[in-house]
Protein backbone atom coordinates (compact mmCIF):
# COMPACT_ATOMS: atom_id res chain seq x y z
CA UNK A 1 -0.23 0.05 -0.19
CA UNK A 2 1.65 3.10 -0.77
CA UNK A 3 2.08 5.47 1.91
CA UNK A 4 3.02 9.25 2.23
CA UNK A 5 4.39 10.74 5.33
CA UNK A 6 3.71 14.81 5.81
CA UNK A 7 6.11 16.98 7.70
CA UNK A 8 9.23 14.74 8.28
CA UNK A 9 12.33 14.86 6.30
CA UNK A 10 13.62 11.39 6.78
CA UNK A 11 14.04 9.38 3.67
CA UNK A 12 12.62 5.50 3.15
CA UNK A 13 12.30 3.03 0.71
CA UNK A 14 9.07 2.29 2.67
CA UNK A 15 7.61 5.67 1.87
CA UNK A 16 7.46 9.08 0.28
CA UNK A 17 7.51 12.74 2.32
CA UNK A 18 5.91 15.67 1.69
CA UNK A 19 7.55 18.63 3.65
CA UNK A 20 8.23 22.65 3.26
CA UNK A 21 11.42 24.00 3.28
CA UNK A 22 11.68 24.51 7.37
CA UNK A 23 15.58 25.73 6.62
CA UNK A 24 14.67 28.60 4.26
CA UNK A 25 11.19 29.20 6.13
CA UNK A 26 13.15 30.01 9.65
CA UNK A 27 15.70 32.13 7.58
CA UNK A 28 13.21 34.23 6.01
CA UNK A 29 11.56 35.08 8.95
CA UNK A 30 15.04 36.31 10.77
CA UNK A 31 15.89 37.95 7.39
CA UNK A 32 12.53 39.84 7.96
CA UNK A 33 12.91 40.71 11.63
CA UNK A 34 16.31 41.95 10.57
CA UNK A 35 15.21 44.19 8.06
CA UNK A 36 12.22 45.53 10.74
CA UNK A 37 15.74 46.59 12.61
CA UNK A 38 15.33 43.90 15.32
CA UNK A 39 18.28 42.58 16.48
CA UNK A 40 17.58 40.40 19.57
CA UNK A 41 15.59 37.39 17.95
CA UNK A 42 14.82 34.38 19.73
CA UNK A 43 13.57 30.81 18.51
CA UNK A 44 11.29 28.48 20.62
CA UNK A 45 11.37 25.14 19.36
CA UNK A 46 9.60 21.79 20.17
CA UNK A 47 12.22 19.58 22.40
CA UNK A 48 13.21 16.40 20.75
CA UNK A 49 13.89 13.40 22.71
CA UNK A 50 15.05 10.43 20.34
CA UNK A 51 18.54 11.64 19.08
CA UNK A 52 18.04 9.31 16.08
CA UNK A 53 15.26 10.87 14.62
CA UNK A 54 15.91 14.33 15.32
CA UNK A 55 17.38 15.05 11.80
CA UNK A 56 14.15 14.29 10.23
CA UNK A 57 11.96 16.78 12.21
CA UNK A 58 10.75 19.91 11.25
CA UNK A 59 11.89 21.49 14.32
CA UNK A 60 15.38 20.65 13.77
CA UNK A 61 15.48 22.06 10.26
CA UNK A 62 13.83 25.41 11.51
CA UNK A 63 16.18 25.98 14.10
CA UNK A 64 19.34 25.40 11.81
CA UNK A 65 17.67 28.01 9.29
CA UNK A 66 17.29 30.41 12.47
CA UNK A 67 20.85 29.48 13.17
CA UNK A 68 22.07 30.01 9.96
CA UNK A 69 20.63 33.13 9.33
CA UNK A 70 21.64 34.75 12.64
CA UNK A 71 25.38 33.95 11.23
CA UNK A 72 24.83 35.68 8.20
CA UNK A 73 23.42 38.98 9.74
CA UNK A 74 26.30 39.17 11.86
CA UNK A 75 24.20 38.12 15.04
CA UNK A 76 25.39 34.74 15.71
CA UNK A 77 26.50 36.04 19.31
CA UNK A 78 22.68 36.78 19.83
CA UNK A 79 21.60 33.43 19.01
CA UNK A 80 18.88 32.24 21.49
CA UNK A 81 16.80 28.85 21.06
CA UNK A 82 15.05 27.41 23.83
CA UNK A 83 13.85 23.51 23.30
CA UNK A 84 10.34 22.95 25.22
CA UNK A 85 7.53 21.12 24.96
CA UNK A 86 4.69 21.78 21.97
CA UNK A 87 2.00 22.90 24.37
CA UNK A 88 0.67 26.05 25.69
CA UNK A 89 2.35 25.52 28.95
CA UNK A 90 5.57 24.96 27.03
CA UNK A 91 5.10 27.97 25.03
CA UNK A 92 4.69 29.95 28.55
CA UNK A 93 7.83 28.69 29.81
CA UNK A 94 9.84 29.23 26.89
CA UNK A 95 8.75 32.90 26.69
CA UNK A 96 9.25 33.49 30.28
CA UNK A 97 13.00 33.13 29.64
CA UNK A 98 13.22 36.24 27.76
CA UNK A 99 11.93 39.65 29.05
CA UNK A 100 12.08 41.05 25.74
CA UNK A 101 12.46 39.52 22.86
CA UNK A 102 10.73 39.11 19.13
CA UNK A 103 10.19 35.52 18.54
CA UNK A 104 10.72 33.90 15.07
CA UNK A 105 9.32 30.90 15.75
CA UNK A 106 5.56 30.56 17.94
CA UNK A 107 5.63 27.04 19.71
CA UNK A 108 2.48 27.96 21.01
CA UNK A 109 1.09 31.47 20.60
CA UNK A 110 -1.51 31.77 23.43
CA UNK A 111 1.17 30.40 26.13
CA UNK A 112 3.49 33.00 24.82
CA UNK A 113 1.24 36.07 25.07
CA UNK A 114 0.06 34.92 28.37
CA UNK A 115 3.91 34.96 29.58
CA UNK A 116 4.19 38.57 28.11
CA UNK A 117 0.99 39.98 30.06
């Protein structure tokens, strides 16, 4: 039976995958924020626990796109990534770590907005 996996970057002879370009997408967000004059740009990602599968997960690709863009803009020393659960509570805990930050990847918008109030 044909199988297609959506959203993971893994490769297999048993299935095909459909993914967006998470690396470029994260870099585009950083480029946009830098273009607006922002320099303190944080990234919240889902905490991956299985090292054998982390490379195929979208969050790993997005974090790498963020890192590459920060380096390209001369902001490598300001790279700030927090790994947390992909829940409202995780977004809240991640946002609490930055008193002032522009966030390029919102793991959970309601949790983050609650932390910034």
